């Protein structure tokens, strides 16, 4: 079974909150326990400015088509079979920022 590292950016079929449909979009892998699921955060090209959103500095290097934002307040556990392909990897310095933001969001 394929495993995904923290910081991998993938193209997925992301479920809508009503669970009735999905949208194809990039997502950041946050956790892979080695089973059939991964925990991901949505990535959007729509500008976001909440305390749970991070603007990706070098989005081209990450394999993204447009300036993008990681929505750490929009998480989902999805089956790996919804992952269409890997797009790239988040830069190491931004992975550190993501970890810090997650600690703040969840008061860890």
PDB file of N, CA and C in Angstrom:
ATOM      1  N   UNK A   1       0.851  -1.184   0.000  1.00  0.00           N
ATOM      2  CA  UNK A   1       0.000   0.000   0.000  1.00  0.00           C
ATOM      3  C   UNK A   1       0.893   1.242   0.000  1.00  0.00           C
ATOM      4  N   UNK A   2       0.518   2.226  -0.779  1.00  0.00           N
ATOM      5  CA  UNK A   2       1.268   3.481  -0.859  1.00  0.00           C
ATOM      6  C   UNK A   2       1.105   4.250   0.447  1.00  0.00           C
ATOM      7  N   UNK A   3       2.191   4.858   0.912  1.00  0.00           N
ATOM      8  CA  UNK A   3       2.112   5.765   2.062  1.00  0.00           C
ATOM      9  C   UNK A   3       2.534   7.151   1.607  1.00  0.00           C
ATOM     10  N   UNK A   4       1.993   8.152   2.274  1.00  0.00           N
ATOM     11  CA  UNK A   4       2.251   9.551   1.935  1.00  0.00           C
ATOM     12  C   UNK A   4       2.869  10.239   3.134  1.00  0.00           C
ATOM     13  N   UNK A   5       3.914  11.002   2.886  1.00  0.00           N
ATOM     14  CA  UNK A   5       4.586  11.745   3.942  1.00  0.00           C
ATOM     15  C   UNK A   5       3.855  13.046   4.243  1.00  0.00           C
ATOM     16  N   UNK A   6       4.004  13.511   5.487  1.00  0.00           N
ATOM     17  CA  UNK A   6       3.528  14.848   5.849  1.00  0.00           C
ATOM     18  C   UNK A   6       4.176  15.846   4.894  1.00  0.00           C
ATOM     19  N   UNK A   7       3.370  16.744   4.347  1.00  0.00           N
ATOM     20  CA  UNK A   7       3.880  17.755   3.437  1.00  0.00           C
ATOM     21  C   UNK A   7       3.699  17.437   1.970  1.00  0.00           C
ATOM     22  N   UNK A   8       3.246  16.215   1.667  1.00  0.00           N
ATOM     23  CA  UNK A   8       2.976  15.854   0.274  1.00  0.00           C
ATOM     24  C   UNK A   8       1.712  16.580  -0.179  1.00  0.00           C
ATOM     25  N   UNK A   9       1.766  17.152  -1.360  1.00  0.00           N
ATOM     26  CA  UNK A   9       0.584  17.785  -1.937  1.00  0.00           C
ATOM     27  C   UNK A   9       0.054  16.844  -3.009  1.00  0.00           C
ATOM     28  N   UNK A  10      -1.236  16.522  -2.880  1.00  0.00           N
ATOM     29  CA  UNK A  10      -1.873  15.558  -3.775  1.00  0.00           C
ATOM     30  C   UNK A  10      -3.100  16.186  -4.430  1.00  0.00           C
ATOM     31  N   UNK A  11      -3.502  15.610  -5.542  1.00  0.00           N
ATOM     32  CA  UNK A  11      -4.769  15.976  -6.179  1.00  0.00           C
ATOM     33  C   UNK A  11      -5.771  14.916  -5.766  1.00  0.00           C
ATOM     34  N   UNK A  12      -6.900  15.352  -5.198  1.00  0.00           N
ATOM     35  CA  UNK A  12      -7.877  14.400  -4.673  1.00  0.00           C
ATOM     36  C   UNK A  12      -9.298  14.764  -5.107  1.00  0.00           C
ATOM     37  N   UNK A  13     -10.173  13.829  -4.853  1.00  0.00           N
ATOM     38  CA  UNK A  13     -11.615  14.070  -4.928  1.00  0.00           C
ATOM     39  C   UNK A  13     -12.021  14.440  -3.504  1.00  0.00           C
ATOM     40  N   UNK A  14     -12.128  15.746  -3.211  1.00  0.00           N
ATOM     41  CA  UNK A  14     -12.381  16.226  -1.855  1.00  0.00           C
ATOM     42  C   UNK A  14     -13.883  16.251  -1.592  1.00  0.00           C
ATOM     43  N   UNK A  15     -14.342  15.636  -0.503  1.00  0.00           N
ATOM     44  CA  UNK A  15     -15.778  15.595  -0.228  1.00  0.00           C
ATOM     45  C   UNK A  15     -16.324  16.968   0.183  1.00  0.00           C
ATOM     46  N   UNK A  16     -17.507  17.294  -0.315  1.00  0.00           N
ATOM     47  CA  UNK A  16     -18.207  18.496   0.146  1.00  0.00           C
ATOM     48  C   UNK A  16     -18.735  18.222   1.551  1.00  0.00           C
ATOM     49  N   UNK A  17     -18.992  19.271   2.315  1.00  0.00           N
ATOM     50  CA  UNK A  17     -19.446  19.083   3.691  1.00  0.00           C
ATOM     51  C   UNK A  17     -20.803  18.391   3.772  1.00  0.00           C
ATOM     52  N   UNK A  18     -21.604  18.447   2.704  1.00  0.00           N
ATOM     53  CA  UNK A  18     -22.894  17.745   2.711  1.00  0.00           C
ATOM     54  C   UNK A  18     -22.735  16.251   2.395  1.00  0.00           C
ATOM     55  N   UNK A  19     -21.504  15.827   2.067  1.00  0.00           N
ATOM     56  CA  UNK A  19     -21.158  14.434   1.763  1.00  0.00           C
ATOM     57  C   UNK A  19     -21.931  13.886   0.554  1.00  0.00           C
ATOM     58  N   UNK A  20     -22.515  14.765  -0.247  1.00  0.00           N
ATOM     59  CA  UNK A  20     -23.292  14.335  -1.403  1.00  0.00           C
ATOM     60  C   UNK A  20     -22.475  14.351  -2.692  1.00  0.00           C
ATOM     61  N   UNK A  21     -21.380  15.097  -2.709  1.00  0.00           N
ATOM     62  CA  UNK A  21     -20.576  15.197  -3.922  1.00  0.00           C
ATOM     63  C   UNK A  21     -19.131  15.511  -3.554  1.00  0.00           C
ATOM     64  N   UNK A  22     -18.279  15.498  -4.558  1.00  0.00           N
ATOM     65  CA  UNK A  22     -16.860  15.777  -4.364  1.00  0.00           C
ATOM     66  C   UNK A  22     -16.392  16.775  -5.417  1.00  0.00           C
ATOM     67  N   UNK A  23     -15.270  17.441  -5.117  1.00  0.00           N
ATOM     68  CA  UNK A  23     -14.625  18.326  -6.073  1.00  0.00           C
ATOM     69  C   UNK A  23     -13.175  17.912  -6.211  1.00  0.00           C
ATOM     70  N   UNK A  24     -12.660  17.988  -7.399  1.00  0.00           N
ATOM     71  CA  UNK A  24     -11.249  17.704  -7.632  1.00  0.00           C
ATOM     72  C   UNK A  24     -10.453  18.935  -7.205  1.00  0.00           C
ATOM     73  N   UNK A  25      -9.529  18.726  -6.256  1.00  0.00           N
ATOM     74  CA  UNK A  25      -8.744  19.855  -5.760  1.00  0.00           C
ATOM     75  C   UNK A  25      -7.467  19.344  -5.115  1.00  0.00           C
ATOM     76  N   UNK A  26      -6.485  20.231  -4.973  1.00  0.00           N
ATOM     77  CA  UNK A  26      -5.265  19.844  -4.263  1.00  0.00           C
ATOM     78  C   UNK A  26      -5.507  19.814  -2.762  1.00  0.00           C
ATOM     79  N   UNK A  27      -4.687  19.014  -2.082  1.00  0.00           N
ATOM     80  CA  UNK A  27      -4.770  18.910  -0.624  1.00  0.00           C
ATOM     81  C   UNK A  27      -3.374  18.612  -0.085  1.00  0.00           C
ATOM     82  N   UNK A  28      -3.170  18.988   1.164  1.00  0.00           N
ATOM     83  CA  UNK A  28      -1.914  18.740   1.860  1.00  0.00           C
ATOM     84  C   UNK A  28      -2.094  17.535   2.771  1.00  0.00           C
ATOM     85  N   UNK A  29      -1.235  16.542   2.624  1.00  0.00           N
ATOM     86  CA  UNK A  29      -1.277  15.379   3.508  1.00  0.00           C
ATOM     87  C   UNK A  29      -0.698  15.787   4.860  1.00  0.00           C
ATOM     88  N   UNK A  30      -1.495  15.586   5.909  1.00  0.00           N
ATOM     89  CA  UNK A  30      -1.062  15.883   7.270  1.00  0.00           C
ATOM     90  C   UNK A  30      -0.634  14.635   8.019  1.00  0.00           C
ATOM     91  N   UNK A  31      -1.306  13.502   7.725  1.00  0.00           N
ATOM     92  CA  UNK A  31      -0.996  12.280   8.461  1.00  0.00           C
ATOM     93  C   UNK A  31      -1.415  11.052   7.672  1.00  0.00           C
ATOM     94  N   UNK A  32      -0.531  10.060   7.662  1.00  0.00           N
ATOM     95  CA  UNK A  32      -0.807   8.764   7.065  1.00  0.00           C
ATOM     96  C   UNK A  32      -0.366   7.712   8.069  1.00  0.00           C
ATOM     97  N   UNK A  33      -1.318   6.970   8.629  1.00  0.00           N
ATOM     98  CA  UNK A  33      -1.018   5.948   9.633  1.00  0.00           C
ATOM     99  C   UNK A  33      -0.588   4.628   9.000  1.00  0.00           C
ATOM    100  N   UNK A  34      -0.570   4.578   7.662  1.00  0.00           N
ATOM    101  CA  UNK A  34      -0.162   3.361   6.990  1.00  0.00           C
ATOM    102  C   UNK A  34      -1.315   2.450   6.623  1.00  0.00           C
ATOM    103  N   UNK A  35      -2.549   2.881   6.903  1.00  0.00           N
ATOM    104  CA  UNK A  35      -3.707   2.087   6.508  1.00  0.00           C
ATOM    105  C   UNK A  35      -4.290   2.646   5.211  1.00  0.00           C
ATOM    106  N   UNK A  36      -5.583   2.495   4.986  1.00  0.00           N
ATOM    107  CA  UNK A  36      -6.192   2.922   3.727  1.00  0.00           C
ATOM    108  C   UNK A  36      -6.614   4.390   3.706  1.00  0.00           C
ATOM    109  N   UNK A  37      -6.434   5.130   4.825  1.00  0.00           N
ATOM    110  CA  UNK A  37      -6.878   6.521   4.913  1.00  0.00           C
ATOM    111  C   UNK A  37      -5.711   7.485   5.126  1.00  0.00           C
ATOM    112  N   UNK A  38      -5.949   8.746   4.760  1.00  0.00           N
ATOM    113  CA  UNK A  38      -5.018   9.828   5.077  1.00  0.00           C
ATOM    114  C   UNK A  38      -5.821  11.023   5.595  1.00  0.00           C
ATOM    115  N   UNK A  39      -5.184  11.810   6.443  1.00  0.00           N
ATOM    116  CA  UNK A  39      -5.761  13.068   6.912  1.00  0.00           C
ATOM    117  C   UNK A  39      -5.181  14.175   6.053  1.00  0.00           C
ATOM    118  N   UNK A  40      -6.058  14.986   5.457  1.00  0.00           N
ATOM    119  CA  UNK A  40      -5.616  16.046   4.550  1.00  0.00           C
ATOM    120  C   UNK A  40      -6.271  17.375   4.899  1.00  0.00           C
ATOM    121  N   UNK A  41      -5.606  18.447   4.460  1.00  0.00           N
ATOM    122  CA  UNK A  41      -6.159  19.798   4.553  1.00  0.00           C
ATOM    123  C   UNK A  41      -6.406  20.288   3.126  1.00  0.00           C
ATOM    124  N   UNK A  42      -7.516  20.931   2.941  1.00  0.00           N
ATOM    125  CA  UNK A  42      -7.883  21.470   1.633  1.00  0.00           C
ATOM    126  C   UNK A  42      -6.906  22.577   1.234  1.00  0.00           C
ATOM    127  N   UNK A  43      -6.636  22.681  -0.057  1.00  0.00           N
ATOM    128  CA  UNK A  43      -5.871  23.791  -0.624  1.00  0.00           C
ATOM    129  C   UNK A  43      -6.773  24.484  -1.625  1.00  0.00           C
ATOM    130  N   UNK A  44      -6.790  25.815  -1.589  1.00  0.00           N
ATOM    131  CA  UNK A  44      -7.639  26.587  -2.487  1.00  0.00           C
ATOM    132  C   UNK A  44      -6.857  27.741  -3.092  1.00  0.00           C
ATOM    133  N   UNK A  45      -7.300  28.181  -4.256  1.00  0.00           N
ATOM    134  CA  UNK A  45      -6.703  29.371  -4.865  1.00  0.00           C
ATOM    135  C   UNK A  45      -7.455  30.635  -4.449  1.00  0.00           C
ATOM    136  N   UNK A  46      -8.559  30.470  -3.730  1.00  0.00           N
ATOM    137  CA  UNK A  46      -9.324  31.606  -3.236  1.00  0.00           C
ATOM    138  C   UNK A  46      -8.605  32.205  -2.020  1.00  0.00           C
ATOM    139  N   UNK A  47      -8.332  33.494  -2.047  1.00  0.00           N
ATOM    140  CA  UNK A  47      -7.589  34.123  -0.955  1.00  0.00           C
ATOM    141  C   UNK A  47      -8.300  33.925   0.376  1.00  0.00           C
ATOM    142  N   UNK A  48      -7.535  33.497   1.377  1.00  0.00           N
ATOM    143  CA  UNK A  48      -8.063  33.233   2.716  1.00  0.00           C
ATOM    144  C   UNK A  48      -7.151  33.910   3.731  1.00  0.00           C
ATOM    145  N   UNK A  49      -7.738  34.457   4.795  1.00  0.00           N
ATOM    146  CA  UNK A  49      -6.937  35.204   5.769  1.00  0.00           C
ATOM    147  C   UNK A  49      -7.286  34.890   7.218  1.00  0.00           C
ATOM    148  N   UNK A  50      -7.802  33.717   7.509  1.00  0.00           N
ATOM    149  CA  UNK A  50      -8.099  33.402   8.905  1.00  0.00           C
ATOM    150  C   UNK A  50      -6.838  32.862   9.577  1.00  0.00           C
ATOM    151  N   UNK A  51      -6.903  32.684  10.879  1.00  0.00           N
ATOM    152  CA  UNK A  51      -5.740  32.169  11.616  1.00  0.00           C
ATOM    153  C   UNK A  51      -5.444  30.709  11.282  1.00  0.00           C
ATOM    154  N   UNK A  52      -6.349  30.059  10.560  1.00  0.00           N
ATOM    155  CA  UNK A  52      -6.163  28.657  10.183  1.00  0.00           C
ATOM    156  C   UNK A  52      -5.790  28.492   8.707  1.00  0.00           C
ATOM    157  N   UNK A  53      -5.399  29.588   8.049  1.00  0.00           N
ATOM    158  CA  UNK A  53      -5.050  29.538   6.634  1.00  0.00           C
ATOM    159  C   UNK A  53      -3.614  29.998   6.427  1.00  0.00           C
ATOM    160  N   UNK A  54      -2.914  29.326   5.534  1.00  0.00           N
ATOM    161  CA  UNK A  54      -1.526  29.660   5.236  1.00  0.00           C
ATOM    162  C   UNK A  54      -1.371  29.859   3.737  1.00  0.00           C
ATOM    163  N   UNK A  55      -0.860  31.039   3.357  1.00  0.00           N
ATOM    164  CA  UNK A  55      -0.550  31.292   1.949  1.00  0.00           C
ATOM    165  C   UNK A  55       0.744  30.556   1.620  1.00  0.00           C
ATOM    166  N   UNK A  56       0.721  29.760   0.560  1.00  0.00           N
ATOM    167  CA  UNK A  56       1.895  29.005   0.145  1.00  0.00           C
ATOM    168  C   UNK A  56       2.813  29.950  -0.629  1.00  0.00           C
ATOM    169  N   UNK A  57       4.019  30.114  -0.126  1.00  0.00           N
ATOM    170  CA  UNK A  57       4.948  31.069  -0.705  1.00  0.00           C
ATOM    171  C   UNK A  57       5.384  30.679  -2.114  1.00  0.00           C
ATOM    172  N   UNK A  58       5.900  29.482  -2.274  1.00  0.00           N
ATOM    173  CA  UNK A  58       6.406  29.047  -3.581  1.00  0.00           C
ATOM    174  C   UNK A  58       5.500  27.962  -4.144  1.00  0.00           C
ATOM    175  N   UNK A  59       4.289  28.358  -4.511  1.00  0.00           N
ATOM    176  CA  UNK A  59       3.272  27.422  -4.946  1.00  0.00           C
ATOM    177  C   UNK A  59       3.649  26.689  -6.229  1.00  0.00           C
ATOM    178  N   UNK A  60       4.406  27.321  -7.107  1.00  0.00           N
ATOM    179  CA  UNK A  60       4.822  26.646  -8.351  1.00  0.00           C
ATOM    180  C   UNK A  60       5.712  25.444  -8.048  1.00  0.00           C
ATOM    181  N   UNK A  61       6.637  25.621  -7.107  1.00  0.00           N
ATOM    182  CA  UNK A  61       7.554  24.543  -6.727  1.00  0.00           C
ATOM    183  C   UNK A  61       6.799  23.360  -6.113  1.00  0.00           C
ATOM    184  N   UNK A  62       5.625  23.636  -5.553  1.00  0.00           N
ATOM    185  CA  UNK A  62       4.803  22.596  -4.925  1.00  0.00           C
ATOM    186  C   UNK A  62       3.959  21.832  -5.940  1.00  0.00           C
ATOM    187  N   UNK A  63       3.992  22.252  -7.209  1.00  0.00           N
ATOM    188  CA  UNK A  63       3.216  21.577  -8.238  1.00  0.00           C
ATOM    189  C   UNK A  63       1.825  22.147  -8.430  1.00  0.00           C
ATOM    190  N   UNK A  64       1.583  23.343  -7.874  1.00  0.00           N
ATOM    191  CA  UNK A  64       0.263  23.968  -7.981  1.00  0.00           C
ATOM    192  C   UNK A  64       0.211  24.909  -9.180  1.00  0.00           C
ATOM    193  N   UNK A  65      -0.980  25.147  -9.708  1.00  0.00           N
ATOM    194  CA  UNK A  65      -1.151  25.962 -10.909  1.00  0.00           C
ATOM    195  C   UNK A  65      -1.329  27.439 -10.610  1.00  0.00           C
ATOM    196  N   UNK A  66      -1.804  27.770  -9.411  1.00  0.00           N
ATOM    197  CA  UNK A  66      -2.088  29.151  -9.037  1.00  0.00           C
ATOM    198  C   UNK A  66      -1.625  29.423  -7.617  1.00  0.00           C
ATOM    199  N   UNK A  67      -1.544  30.709  -7.280  1.00  0.00           N
ATOM    200  CA  UNK A  67      -1.290  31.104  -5.899  1.00  0.00           C
ATOM    201  C   UNK A  67      -2.330  30.405  -5.019  1.00  0.00           C
ATOM    202  N   UNK A  68      -1.883  29.798  -3.922  1.00  0.00           N
ATOM    203  CA  UNK A  68      -2.792  28.939  -3.163  1.00  0.00           C
ATOM    204  C   UNK A  68      -2.641  29.109  -1.660  1.00  0.00           C
ATOM    205  N   UNK A  69      -3.681  28.644  -0.957  1.00  0.00           N
ATOM    206  CA  UNK A  69      -3.764  28.743   0.497  1.00  0.00           C
ATOM    207  C   UNK A  69      -4.128  27.378   1.070  1.00  0.00           C
ATOM    208  N   UNK A  70      -3.430  26.995   2.132  1.00  0.00           N
ATOM    209  CA  UNK A  70      -3.763  25.775   2.851  1.00  0.00           C
ATOM    210  C   UNK A  70      -4.813  26.135   3.887  1.00  0.00           C
ATOM    211  N   UNK A  71      -5.928  25.404   3.924  1.00  0.00           N
ATOM    212  CA  UNK A  71      -7.035  25.668   4.844  1.00  0.00           C
ATOM    213  C   UNK A  71      -6.974  24.646   5.973  1.00  0.00           C
ATOM    214  N   UNK A  72      -6.207  24.945   7.007  1.00  0.00           N
ATOM    215  CA  UNK A  72      -6.033  24.002   8.109  1.00  0.00           C
ATOM    216  C   UNK A  72      -7.297  23.824   8.948  1.00  0.00           C
ATOM    217  N   UNK A  73      -8.272  24.678   8.769  1.00  0.00           N
ATOM    218  CA  UNK A  73      -9.565  24.515   9.422  1.00  0.00           C
ATOM    219  C   UNK A  73     -10.529  23.663   8.610  1.00  0.00           C
ATOM    220  N   UNK A  74     -10.078  23.172   7.454  1.00  0.00           N
ATOM    221  CA  UNK A  74     -10.907  22.360   6.560  1.00  0.00           C
ATOM    222  C   UNK A  74     -10.209  21.025   6.327  1.00  0.00           C
ATOM    223  N   UNK A  75     -10.310  20.139   7.309  1.00  0.00           N
ATOM    224  CA  UNK A  75      -9.636  18.850   7.264  1.00  0.00           C
ATOM    225  C   UNK A  75     -10.616  17.744   6.896  1.00  0.00           C
ATOM    226  N   UNK A  76     -10.073  16.677   6.324  1.00  0.00           N
ATOM    227  CA  UNK A  76     -10.888  15.502   6.003  1.00  0.00           C
ATOM    228  C   UNK A  76     -10.012  14.262   6.078  1.00  0.00           C
ATOM    229  N   UNK A  77     -10.615  13.169   6.508  1.00  0.00           N
ATOM    230  CA  UNK A  77      -9.982  11.860   6.410  1.00  0.00           C
ATOM    231  C   UNK A  77     -10.586  11.202   5.181  1.00  0.00           C
ATOM    232  N   UNK A  78      -9.718  10.858   4.240  1.00  0.00           N
ATOM    233  CA  UNK A  78     -10.213  10.268   2.996  1.00  0.00           C
ATOM    234  C   UNK A  78      -9.490   8.950   2.716  1.00  0.00           C
ATOM    235  N   UNK A  79     -10.150   8.098   1.954  1.00  0.00           N
ATOM    236  CA  UNK A  79      -9.516   6.868   1.503  1.00  0.00           C
ATOM    237  C   UNK A  79      -8.479   7.208   0.445  1.00  0.00           C
ATOM    238  N   UNK A  80      -7.385   6.497   0.478  1.00  0.00           N
ATOM    239  CA  UNK A  80      -6.305   6.754  -0.471  1.00  0.00           C
ATOM    240  C   UNK A  80      -6.732   6.555  -1.917  1.00  0.00           C
ATOM    241  N   UNK A  81      -7.778   5.758  -2.149  1.00  0.00           N
ATOM    242  CA  UNK A  81      -8.209   5.568  -3.535  1.00  0.00           C
ATOM    243  C   UNK A  81      -8.841   6.831  -4.123  1.00  0.00           C
ATOM    244  N   UNK A  82      -9.094   7.875  -3.291  1.00  0.00           N
ATOM    245  CA  UNK A  82      -9.569   9.162  -3.787  1.00  0.00           C
ATOM    246  C   UNK A  82      -8.416  10.058  -4.224  1.00  0.00           C
ATOM    247  N   UNK A  83      -7.167   9.632  -3.946  1.00  0.00           N
ATOM    248  CA  UNK A  83      -6.001  10.399  -4.382  1.00  0.00           C
ATOM    249  C   UNK A  83      -5.747  10.064  -5.848  1.00  0.00           C
ATOM    250  N   UNK A  84      -5.778  11.095  -6.669  1.00  0.00           N
ATOM    251  CA  UNK A  84      -5.590  10.900  -8.105  1.00  0.00           C
ATOM    252  C   UNK A  84      -4.110  10.859  -8.473  1.00  0.00           C
ATOM    253  N   UNK A  85      -3.306  11.740  -7.834  1.00  0.00           N
ATOM    254  CA  UNK A  85      -1.855  11.740  -8.064  1.00  0.00           C
ATOM    255  C   UNK A  85      -1.159  12.713  -7.117  1.00  0.00           C
ATOM    256  N   UNK A  86       0.140  12.540  -6.976  1.00  0.00           N
ATOM    257  CA  UNK A  86       0.970  13.482  -6.231  1.00  0.00           C
ATOM    258  C   UNK A  86       1.256  14.674  -7.123  1.00  0.00           C
ATOM    259  N   UNK A  87       1.212  15.875  -6.521  1.00  0.00           N
ATOM    260  CA  UNK A  87       1.553  17.087  -7.261  1.00  0.00           C
ATOM    261  C   UNK A  87       2.944  17.592  -6.906  1.00  0.00           C
ATOM    262  N   UNK A  88       3.331  17.426  -5.637  1.00  0.00           N
ATOM    263  CA  UNK A  88       4.621  17.936  -5.192  1.00  0.00           C
ATOM    264  C   UNK A  88       4.716  17.899  -3.682  1.00  0.00           C
ATOM    265  N   UNK A  89       5.589  18.748  -3.146  1.00  0.00           N
ATOM    266  CA  UNK A  89       5.835  18.775  -1.704  1.00  0.00           C
ATOM    267  C   UNK A  89       5.905  20.213  -1.206  1.00  0.00           C
ATOM    268  N   UNK A  90       5.379  20.441  -0.025  1.00  0.00           N
ATOM    269  CA  UNK A  90       5.477  21.733   0.629  1.00  0.00           C
ATOM    270  C   UNK A  90       6.922  21.949   1.060  1.00  0.00           C
ATOM    271  N   UNK A  91       7.412  23.168   0.961  1.00  0.00           N
ATOM    272  CA  UNK A  91       8.780  23.489   1.375  1.00  0.00           C
ATOM    273  C   UNK A  91       8.936  23.245   2.879  1.00  0.00           C
ATOM    274  N   UNK A  92      10.134  22.859   3.298  1.00  0.00           N
ATOM    275  CA  UNK A  92      10.410  22.500   4.697  1.00  0.00           C
ATOM    276  C   UNK A  92      10.053  23.619   5.665  1.00  0.00           C
ATOM    277  N   UNK A  93      10.379  24.865   5.320  1.00  0.00           N
ATOM    278  CA  UNK A  93      10.074  25.975   6.231  1.00  0.00           C
ATOM    279  C   UNK A  93       8.569  26.165   6.393  1.00  0.00           C
ATOM    280  N   UNK A  94       7.794  25.878   5.359  1.00  0.00           N
ATOM    281  CA  UNK A  94       6.338  25.998   5.472  1.00  0.00           C
ATOM    282  C   UNK A  94       5.740  24.816   6.230  1.00  0.00           C
ATOM    283  N   UNK A  95       6.393  23.654   6.179  1.00  0.00           N
ATOM    284  CA  UNK A  95       5.933  22.519   6.988  1.00  0.00           C
ATOM    285  C   UNK A  95       6.073  22.852   8.473  1.00  0.00           C
ATOM    286  N   UNK A  96       7.121  23.557   8.845  1.00  0.00           N
ATOM    287  CA  UNK A  96       7.302  23.990  10.234  1.00  0.00           C
ATOM    288  C   UNK A  96       6.183  24.942  10.633  1.00  0.00           C
ATOM    289  N   UNK A  97       5.826  25.850   9.742  1.00  0.00           N
ATOM    290  CA  UNK A  97       4.739  26.798  10.018  1.00  0.00           C
ATOM    291  C   UNK A  97       3.415  26.052  10.178  1.00  0.00           C
ATOM    292  N   UNK A  98       3.161  25.078   9.310  1.00  0.00           N
ATOM    293  CA  UNK A  98       1.924  24.286   9.399  1.00  0.00           C
ATOM    294  C   UNK A  98       1.844  23.590  10.753  1.00  0.00           C
ATOM    295  N   UNK A  99       2.937  22.971  11.188  1.00  0.00           N
ATOM    296  CA  UNK A  99       2.944  22.297  12.493  1.00  0.00           C
ATOM    297  C   UNK A  99       2.637  23.276  13.618  1.00  0.00           C
ATOM    298  N   UNK A 100       3.231  24.452  13.576  1.00  0.00           N
ATOM    299  CA  UNK A 100       2.981  25.469  14.601  1.00  0.00           C
ATOM    300  C   UNK A 100       1.526  25.926  14.587  1.00  0.00           C
ATOM    301  N   UNK A 101       0.983  26.134  13.387  1.00  0.00           N
ATOM    302  CA  UNK A 101      -0.421  26.559  13.266  1.00  0.00           C
ATOM    303  C   UNK A 101      -1.355  25.479  13.806  1.00  0.00           C
ATOM    304  N   UNK A 102      -1.049  24.210  13.521  1.00  0.00           N
ATOM    305  CA  UNK A 102      -1.894  23.121  14.018  1.00  0.00           C
ATOM    306  C   UNK A 102      -1.866  23.083  15.553  1.00  0.00           C
ATOM    307  N   UNK A 103      -0.700  23.285  16.133  1.00  0.00           N
ATOM    308  CA  UNK A 103      -0.610  23.341  17.608  1.00  0.00           C
ATOM    309  C   UNK A 103      -1.503  24.459  18.155  1.00  0.00           C
ATOM    310  N   UNK A 104      -1.466  25.613  17.512  1.00  0.00           N
ATOM    311  CA  UNK A 104      -2.278  26.750  17.967  1.00  0.00           C
ATOM    312  C   UNK A 104      -3.775  26.491  17.773  1.00  0.00           C
ATOM    313  N   UNK A 105      -4.140  25.917  16.655  1.00  0.00           N
ATOM    314  CA  UNK A 105      -5.550  25.630  16.380  1.00  0.00           C
ATOM    315  C   UNK A 105      -6.123  24.676  17.419  1.00  0.00           C
ATOM    316  N   UNK A 106      -5.355  23.635  17.756  1.00  0.00           N
ATOM    317  CA  UNK A 106      -5.830  22.611  18.667  1.00  0.00           C
ATOM    318  C   UNK A 106      -5.305  22.796  20.098  1.00  0.00           C
ATOM    319  N   UNK A 107      -4.685  23.952  20.358  1.00  0.00           N
ATOM    320  CA  UNK A 107      -4.155  24.280  21.684  1.00  0.00           C
ATOM    321  C   UNK A 107      -3.262  23.179  22.236  1.00  0.00           C
ATOM    322  N   UNK A 108      -2.330  22.706  21.420  1.00  0.00           N
ATOM    323  CA  UNK A 108      -1.424  21.636  21.828  1.00  0.00           C
ATOM    324  C   UNK A 108      -0.132  22.192  22.396  1.00  0.00           C
TER     325      UNK A 108
END
